[in-house]
N, C-alpha and C. Protein backbone atom coordinates (compact mmCIF):
# COMPACT_ATOMS: atom_id res chain seq x y z
N UNK A 1 70.17 24.02 6.34
CA UNK A 1 71.03 23.92 4.63
C UNK A 1 70.39 24.94 4.00
N UNK A 2 71.41 25.10 3.38
CA UNK A 2 71.13 26.38 2.64
C UNK A 2 70.32 26.87 0.87
N UNK A 3 69.49 27.59 1.13
CA UNK A 3 68.56 27.76 -0.40
C UNK A 3 69.77 27.85 -1.31
N UNK A 4 69.33 27.42 -2.36
CA UNK A 4 70.35 28.09 -3.77
C UNK A 4 69.17 28.67 -4.50
N UNK A 5 67.91 28.60 -4.22
CA UNK A 5 67.20 29.44 -4.91
C UNK A 5 67.04 31.36 -4.31
N UNK A 6 67.22 30.97 -2.79
CA UNK A 6 67.43 32.85 -2.34
C UNK A 6 68.53 33.21 -3.20
N UNK A 7 69.96 32.32 -2.85
CA UNK A 7 70.98 32.77 -3.66
C UNK A 7 70.79 33.37 -5.15
N UNK A 8 70.51 32.88 -5.77
CA UNK A 8 69.82 32.94 -7.41
C UNK A 8 69.20 34.22 -7.41
N UNK A 9 68.20 34.55 -6.30
CA UNK A 9 67.67 35.04 -6.75
C UNK A 9 68.06 36.54 -6.10
N UNK A 10 68.65 36.88 -4.79
CA UNK A 10 69.70 37.63 -4.76
C UNK A 10 70.85 37.98 -5.59
N UNK A 11 71.29 36.82 -6.35
CA UNK A 11 72.02 37.57 -7.87
C UNK A 11 70.97 38.13 -8.95
N UNK A 12 70.25 37.44 -8.96
CA UNK A 12 69.64 38.05 -10.34
C UNK A 12 69.12 39.80 -9.75
N UNK A 13 68.81 40.37 -8.67
CA UNK A 13 68.76 41.45 -8.30
C UNK A 13 70.06 42.43 -7.99
N UNK A 14 71.50 41.32 -8.37
CA UNK A 14 72.14 42.60 -8.25
C UNK A 14 72.52 42.89 -9.80
N UNK A 15 72.18 41.61 -10.62
CA UNK A 15 72.39 41.55 -11.97
C UNK A 15 71.74 42.75 -12.35
N UNK A 16 70.30 42.60 -12.33
CA UNK A 16 69.36 44.12 -12.41
C UNK A 16 69.95 45.41 -12.52
N UNK A 17 70.27 45.10 -11.33
CA UNK A 17 71.04 46.73 -10.22
C UNK A 17 71.88 47.25 -10.80
N UNK A 18 72.97 45.88 -11.73
CA UNK A 18 74.03 46.64 -12.18
C UNK A 18 73.76 47.25 -13.61
N UNK A 19 73.09 46.06 -13.90
CA UNK A 19 72.73 46.61 -15.74
C UNK A 19 72.05 47.96 -15.41
N UNK A 20 71.28 48.17 -14.42
CA UNK A 20 70.10 49.64 -14.34
C UNK A 20 71.47 51.17 -14.31
N UNK A 21 72.33 50.37 -14.03
CA UNK A 21 73.58 51.13 -13.06
C UNK A 21 74.64 51.37 -13.80
N UNK A 22 74.26 50.51 -15.04
CA UNK A 22 75.95 50.85 -16.28
C UNK A 22 74.86 51.49 -16.98
N UNK A 23 73.54 51.43 -17.40
CA UNK A 23 72.44 51.81 -18.27
C UNK A 23 72.60 53.33 -17.57
N UNK A 24 72.58 53.92 -16.78
CA UNK A 24 72.46 55.15 -15.51
C UNK A 24 73.82 55.82 -16.10
N UNK A 25 74.90 55.04 -15.92
CA UNK A 25 76.22 56.17 -16.06
C UNK A 25 76.04 56.17 -17.22
N UNK A 26 76.08 55.33 -18.14
CA UNK A 26 75.76 55.69 -19.92
C UNK A 26 75.15 56.74 -20.23
N UNK A 27 73.80 56.71 -19.27
CA UNK A 27 72.67 57.71 -19.85
C UNK A 27 73.54 59.17 -19.37
N UNK A 28 73.58 59.09 -18.71
CA UNK A 28 74.62 60.54 -18.09
C UNK A 28 75.69 61.10 -18.82
N UNK A 29 76.38 60.20 -19.39
CA UNK A 29 77.39 60.32 -20.02
C UNK A 29 76.87 60.69 -21.44
N UNK A 30 76.11 60.17 -22.16
CA UNK A 30 75.95 60.95 -23.20
C UNK A 30 74.92 62.10 -23.40
N UNK A 31 74.21 62.16 -21.97
CA UNK A 31 73.53 63.28 -21.83
C UNK A 31 74.67 64.10 -21.48
N UNK A 32 75.51 64.21 -21.56
CA UNK A 32 76.05 65.49 -20.71
C UNK A 32 77.34 66.02 -22.18
N UNK A 33 77.12 65.00 -23.51
CA UNK A 33 78.04 65.24 -24.32
C UNK A 33 76.79 65.52 -25.59
N UNK A 34 75.50 64.69 -25.62
CA UNK A 34 74.76 64.94 -26.49
C UNK A 34 73.64 66.24 -25.64
N UNK A 35 73.07 67.02 -26.81
CA UNK A 35 71.90 68.36 -26.45
C UNK A 35 70.13 67.00 -25.64
N UNK A 36 70.46 65.70 -26.28
CA UNK A 36 69.33 65.35 -25.99
C UNK A 36 69.44 63.85 -26.00
N UNK A 37 69.78 63.21 -24.10
CA UNK A 37 69.84 61.65 -24.29
C UNK A 37 69.03 60.75 -24.73
N UNK A 38 69.28 60.07 -25.16
CA UNK A 38 68.60 59.19 -26.03
C UNK A 38 67.20 57.98 -25.37
N UNK A 39 66.71 58.46 -24.31
CA UNK A 39 65.58 57.57 -23.27
C UNK A 39 65.38 56.55 -23.51
N UNK A 40 64.74 55.98 -24.94
CA UNK A 40 64.18 55.56 -25.82
C UNK A 40 65.04 53.91 -26.00
N UNK A 41 66.41 54.84 -26.29
CA UNK A 41 67.25 53.89 -26.71
C UNK A 41 67.94 53.03 -25.87
N UNK A 42 67.59 53.49 -24.91
CA UNK A 42 68.59 52.86 -23.41
C UNK A 42 67.44 52.07 -23.02
N UNK A 43 66.53 52.17 -22.91
CA UNK A 43 65.68 51.80 -22.13
C UNK A 43 65.30 50.20 -23.39
N UNK A 44 65.25 50.70 -24.49
CA UNK A 44 65.09 49.32 -25.08
C UNK A 44 66.50 48.09 -25.33
N UNK A 45 67.70 49.18 -25.14
CA UNK A 45 68.93 48.53 -25.44
C UNK A 45 69.11 47.26 -23.71
N UNK A 46 68.82 48.24 -22.26
CA UNK A 46 68.70 47.32 -21.10
C UNK A 46 68.01 46.71 -21.01
N UNK A 47 66.74 46.56 -22.09
CA UNK A 47 65.85 45.36 -21.74
C UNK A 47 66.08 44.31 -22.32
N UNK A 48 66.69 44.41 -23.89
CA UNK A 48 67.33 43.55 -24.42
C UNK A 48 68.47 42.84 -23.92
N UNK A 49 69.26 43.35 -23.97
CA UNK A 49 70.72 43.04 -22.92
C UNK A 49 70.59 41.93 -21.74
N UNK A 50 69.18 43.12 -20.67
CA UNK A 50 69.08 42.28 -19.52
C UNK A 50 67.94 41.04 -19.64
N UNK A 51 67.47 40.97 -20.62
CA UNK A 51 66.07 39.86 -20.49
C UNK A 51 67.50 38.75 -20.83
N UNK A 52 67.79 38.72 -21.74
CA UNK A 52 68.93 37.33 -21.97
C UNK A 52 69.92 37.48 -21.30
N UNK A 53 70.52 38.06 -20.21
CA UNK A 53 71.56 37.74 -18.79
C UNK A 53 71.03 37.34 -18.47
N UNK A 54 69.38 37.89 -17.89
CA UNK A 54 68.90 37.03 -16.57
C UNK A 54 68.89 35.36 -17.14
N UNK A 55 67.99 35.31 -18.15
CA UNK A 55 67.88 33.78 -18.79
C UNK A 55 69.23 33.20 -18.68
N UNK A 56 70.52 33.24 -19.57
CA UNK A 56 70.65 32.48 -19.16
C UNK A 56 71.97 32.47 -17.89
N UNK A 57 72.02 33.44 -17.12
CA UNK A 57 72.68 33.35 -15.42
C UNK A 57 71.67 32.46 -15.02
N UNK A 58 70.62 31.86 -14.98
CA UNK A 58 70.04 30.83 -14.13
C UNK A 58 69.98 29.39 -14.88
N UNK A 59 70.05 29.80 -16.31
CA UNK A 59 70.45 27.96 -16.43
C UNK A 59 72.35 28.36 -16.23
N UNK A 60 73.42 28.98 -16.24
CA UNK A 60 74.42 28.65 -15.84
C UNK A 60 74.21 28.69 -14.47
N UNK A 61 73.94 29.26 -13.60
CA UNK A 61 73.78 29.30 -12.42
C UNK A 61 73.67 27.02 -12.06
N UNK A 62 72.29 27.34 -12.23
CA UNK A 62 71.43 25.76 -12.37
C UNK A 62 72.49 24.99 -12.61
N UNK A 63 73.35 24.78 -13.58
CA UNK A 63 74.54 23.83 -14.03
C UNK A 63 75.58 23.60 -13.08
N UNK A 64 75.74 24.95 -12.87
CA UNK A 64 76.79 25.26 -11.82
C UNK A 64 76.83 24.35 -10.59
N UNK A 65 75.35 24.66 -10.56
CA UNK A 65 74.45 23.97 -9.41
C UNK A 65 75.11 22.10 -8.65
N UNK A 66 74.42 21.73 -10.35
CA UNK A 66 73.90 20.19 -10.08
C UNK A 66 75.19 19.53 -10.90
N UNK A 67 75.75 20.18 -12.07
CA UNK A 67 77.14 19.51 -12.56
C UNK A 67 78.54 20.72 -12.73
N UNK A 68 79.04 20.78 -11.75
CA UNK A 68 80.44 22.24 -11.67
C UNK A 68 81.13 21.96 -13.16
N UNK A 69 81.65 20.60 -13.66
CA UNK A 69 82.31 20.21 -14.40
C UNK A 69 82.05 20.91 -15.79
N UNK A 70 80.48 21.23 -15.83
CA UNK A 70 79.84 21.57 -17.19
C UNK A 70 79.71 22.63 -16.88
N UNK A 71 79.94 23.34 -15.67
CA UNK A 71 79.69 24.75 -16.24
C UNK A 71 80.25 25.88 -17.13
N UNK A 72 81.08 25.98 -16.95
CA UNK A 72 82.19 26.80 -17.88
C UNK A 72 81.61 26.52 -19.75
N UNK A 73 81.46 24.97 -19.80
CA UNK A 73 80.50 24.99 -21.04
C UNK A 73 79.31 25.76 -21.19
N UNK A 74 78.36 26.21 -20.01
CA UNK A 74 77.21 26.17 -19.73
C UNK A 74 77.30 27.85 -20.31
N UNK A 75 78.45 28.36 -19.66
CA UNK A 75 78.40 30.05 -19.61
C UNK A 75 79.19 30.40 -21.15
N UNK A 76 79.75 29.77 -21.81
CA UNK A 76 80.48 29.68 -22.77
C UNK A 76 78.75 29.40 -24.00
N UNK A 77 78.20 28.38 -24.27
CA UNK A 77 76.89 28.29 -24.34
C UNK A 77 76.17 29.29 -24.23
N UNK A 78 75.16 30.29 -23.10
CA UNK A 78 75.02 30.72 -22.69
C UNK A 78 75.14 32.76 -23.47
N UNK A 79 76.62 32.61 -23.55
CA UNK A 79 77.69 33.89 -24.04
C UNK A 79 76.63 33.85 -25.56
N UNK A 80 76.94 32.23 -26.11
CA UNK A 80 76.26 32.62 -27.77
C UNK A 80 74.71 32.86 -27.71
N UNK A 81 74.14 32.00 -27.27
CA UNK A 81 72.84 32.83 -27.55
C UNK A 81 72.38 34.04 -26.71
N UNK A 82 72.78 34.52 -25.81
CA UNK A 82 73.07 36.30 -25.62
C UNK A 82 73.36 36.99 -26.91
N UNK A 83 74.85 36.67 -27.46
CA UNK A 83 75.21 36.84 -28.84
C UNK A 83 74.05 37.38 -29.85
N UNK A 84 73.63 35.77 -29.96
CA UNK A 84 72.63 35.30 -30.83
C UNK A 84 71.57 36.68 -30.80
N UNK A 85 70.23 36.42 -29.48
CA UNK A 85 69.92 37.47 -29.16
C UNK A 85 69.97 39.32 -29.62
N UNK A 86 71.49 39.64 -28.92
CA UNK A 86 71.77 40.71 -29.58
C UNK A 86 71.73 40.90 -30.90
N UNK A 87 71.98 39.96 -31.07
CA UNK A 87 72.78 40.56 -32.83
C UNK A 87 70.61 40.78 -33.55
N UNK A 88 69.98 39.68 -33.21
CA UNK A 88 68.86 39.33 -33.82
C UNK A 88 67.94 40.86 -33.79
N UNK A 89 68.16 40.88 -32.38
CA UNK A 89 67.63 42.02 -31.46
C UNK A 89 67.96 43.51 -32.02
N UNK A 90 69.46 44.09 -32.27
CA UNK A 90 69.79 45.03 -32.73
C UNK A 90 69.06 44.92 -34.59
N UNK A 91 69.31 43.60 -35.71
CA UNK A 91 67.99 43.67 -36.85
C UNK A 91 66.73 44.40 -36.46
N UNK A 92 66.32 43.49 -35.48
CA UNK A 92 64.88 44.40 -35.38
C UNK A 92 64.49 44.99 -35.06
N UNK A 93 65.08 45.56 -33.59
CA UNK A 93 64.53 46.95 -33.31
C UNK A 93 65.10 47.90 -33.80
N UNK A 94 66.12 48.10 -34.36
CA UNK A 94 66.73 49.09 -34.68
C UNK A 94 65.85 49.92 -35.79
N UNK A 95 65.03 48.84 -36.37
CA UNK A 95 64.07 49.65 -37.31
C UNK A 95 62.93 50.10 -37.03
N UNK A 96 62.50 49.27 -36.02
CA UNK A 96 61.15 49.94 -34.84
C UNK A 96 61.76 51.36 -34.44
N UNK A 97 63.14 51.40 -33.85
CA UNK A 97 63.02 52.79 -33.37
C UNK A 97 64.01 53.84 -33.98
N UNK A 98 64.02 53.31 -35.06
CA UNK A 98 64.34 54.29 -36.51
C UNK A 98 63.54 55.06 -36.62
N UNK A 99 62.21 54.87 -36.43
CA UNK A 99 60.74 55.40 -36.58
C UNK A 99 60.62 56.71 -35.76
N UNK A 100 61.02 56.37 -34.89
CA UNK A 100 61.54 57.03 -33.75
C UNK A 100 62.11 57.82 -33.46
N UNK A 101 63.15 57.97 -34.49
CA UNK A 101 64.10 58.88 -34.91
C UNK A 101 65.72 58.30 -33.94
N UNK A 102 65.70 57.18 -34.02
CA UNK A 102 66.53 56.41 -33.24
C UNK A 102 68.14 56.40 -34.30
N UNK A 103 69.19 56.73 -34.46
CA UNK A 103 70.01 56.43 -35.57
C UNK A 103 70.48 54.78 -35.28
N UNK A 104 70.27 53.92 -36.45
CA UNK A 104 70.97 52.14 -36.14
C UNK A 104 72.03 51.80 -35.29
N UNK A 105 73.07 52.95 -35.93
CA UNK A 105 74.26 52.94 -35.12
C UNK A 105 74.13 53.29 -33.97
N UNK A 106 73.28 54.58 -33.07
CA UNK A 106 73.26 54.90 -32.08
C UNK A 106 72.92 53.24 -31.29
N UNK A 107 71.70 52.91 -31.44
CA UNK A 107 70.85 51.60 -30.70
C UNK A 107 71.83 50.45 -30.93
N UNK A 108 72.93 49.98 -32.02
CA UNK A 108 73.65 49.14 -31.83
C UNK A 108 74.78 49.25 -30.63
N UNK A 109 74.91 50.72 -30.34
CA UNK A 109 76.38 50.59 -29.36
C UNK A 109 75.38 50.43 -28.21
N UNK A 110 74.97 51.23 -28.47
CA UNK A 110 73.60 50.89 -26.66
C UNK A 110 74.34 49.36 -26.22
N UNK A 111 73.31 48.72 -27.47
CA UNK A 111 73.51 46.78 -27.31
C UNK A 111 75.23 46.34 -26.99
N UNK A 112 75.83 46.60 -27.49
CA UNK A 112 77.22 46.35 -27.29
C UNK A 112 78.16 46.80 -25.97
N UNK A 113 77.42 47.63 -25.32
CA UNK A 113 78.37 48.29 -24.08
C UNK A 113 77.26 47.77 -23.43
N UNK A 114 76.07 47.69 -23.27
CA UNK A 114 75.38 46.82 -22.55
C UNK A 114 75.32 45.51 -22.15
N UNK A 115 75.52 44.69 -23.46
CA UNK A 115 75.95 43.65 -23.36
C UNK A 115 76.83 43.36 -22.81
N UNK A 116 78.13 44.01 -23.06
CA UNK A 116 79.71 43.67 -22.63
C UNK A 116 79.38 44.24 -20.65
N UNK A 117 78.78 45.13 -20.29
CA UNK A 117 78.27 45.36 -19.19
C UNK A 117 78.37 44.05 -18.33
N UNK A 118 76.32 43.60 -19.05
CA UNK A 118 75.83 42.41 -18.36
C UNK A 118 76.77 41.09 -18.51
N UNK A 119 77.59 40.77 -19.35
CA UNK A 119 78.52 39.87 -19.13
C UNK A 119 79.40 39.51 -18.02
N UNK A 120 79.88 41.13 -18.34
CA UNK A 120 80.79 41.11 -16.52
C UNK A 120 80.64 40.79 -15.46
N UNK A 121 79.09 41.18 -15.12
CA UNK A 121 78.18 41.33 -13.96
C UNK A 121 78.20 39.92 -13.83
N UNK A 122 77.57 38.82 -14.77
CA UNK A 122 76.79 37.68 -15.27
C UNK A 122 77.91 36.63 -15.19
N UNK A 123 79.46 36.98 -15.36
CA UNK A 123 80.50 36.12 -15.18
C UNK A 123 80.80 36.09 -14.09
N UNK A 124 81.10 37.68 -13.02
CA UNK A 124 81.34 37.26 -11.93
C UNK A 124 80.52 37.22 -10.66
N UNK A 125 79.11 37.63 -11.03
CA UNK A 125 78.77 36.49 -10.45
C UNK A 125 77.67 34.97 -9.89
N UNK A 126 78.14 34.41 -11.40
CA UNK A 126 78.49 33.00 -11.50
C UNK A 126 79.55 32.31 -10.76
N UNK A 127 80.81 33.23 -10.96
CA UNK A 127 82.05 33.16 -10.00
C UNK A 127 81.82 33.04 -8.40
N UNK A 128 81.58 34.35 -8.06
CA UNK A 128 81.78 34.37 -6.89
C UNK A 128 80.95 33.40 -5.83
N UNK A 129 81.84 33.45 -4.91
CA UNK A 129 81.62 32.45 -4.19
C UNK A 129 81.54 30.93 -4.22
N UNK A 130 82.41 30.64 -5.80
CA UNK A 130 82.34 28.92 -6.22
C UNK A 130 82.98 28.33 -5.69
N UNK A 131 83.27 27.52 -5.33
CA UNK A 131 84.51 26.50 -4.00
C UNK A 131 84.32 25.23 -5.54
N UNK A 132 84.29 25.29 -5.86
CA UNK A 132 83.91 24.11 -7.15
C UNK A 132 85.46 24.13 -7.75
N UNK A 133 86.11 22.86 -7.68
CA UNK A 133 86.84 22.92 -8.23
C UNK A 133 86.79 22.02 -10.07
N UNK A 134 87.03 22.46 -11.06
CA UNK A 134 86.65 21.88 -12.33
C UNK A 134 87.62 21.27 -12.38
N UNK A 135 89.06 21.57 -12.81
CA UNK A 135 89.96 20.55 -12.42
C UNK A 135 90.67 19.96 -11.52
N UNK A 136 90.70 18.66 -11.63
CA UNK A 136 90.98 17.63 -10.15
C UNK A 136 92.33 17.91 -9.87
N UNK A 137 92.79 18.14 -8.27
CA UNK A 137 93.86 18.62 -7.95
C UNK A 137 94.52 17.53 -8.26
N UNK A 138 96.41 17.52 -8.21
CA UNK A 138 96.90 15.74 -8.41
C UNK A 138 97.10 16.14 -7.13
N UNK A 139 96.91 14.35 -6.85
CA UNK A 139 97.83 14.13 -5.18
C UNK A 139 98.97 13.81 -5.39
N UNK A 140 99.18 14.13 -3.73
CA UNK A 140 101.01 13.90 -3.59
C UNK A 140 101.84 13.09 -3.67
């Protein structure tokens, strides 16, 4: 019998690794363009997006395992929660980061970039290996 917790844990590791790689790629690109890469901004944006992504991923994964027909609803609800966390996080953290010299629009741009990257990874992981049919096939 396959243990779903191990599968979910492995997917969380992939989600974390994917977010770190996306942040690293963005960091390298902005480091080449700008004279000073925004280390604190990248770390804060990654932490904000990754923490909400892991929470909503675990919720959606549990829903997909127990009641697959509600899986897409769980993904949409999770996306809404993640969007709310991202918006509130940008509003709250941009003020704190501004005291360290980070422009507010720069932090918001990093959150938007990492939000999209983690959302794509999360949805891909939820769909990977999913053999459940949400819409039943018609009988011949």
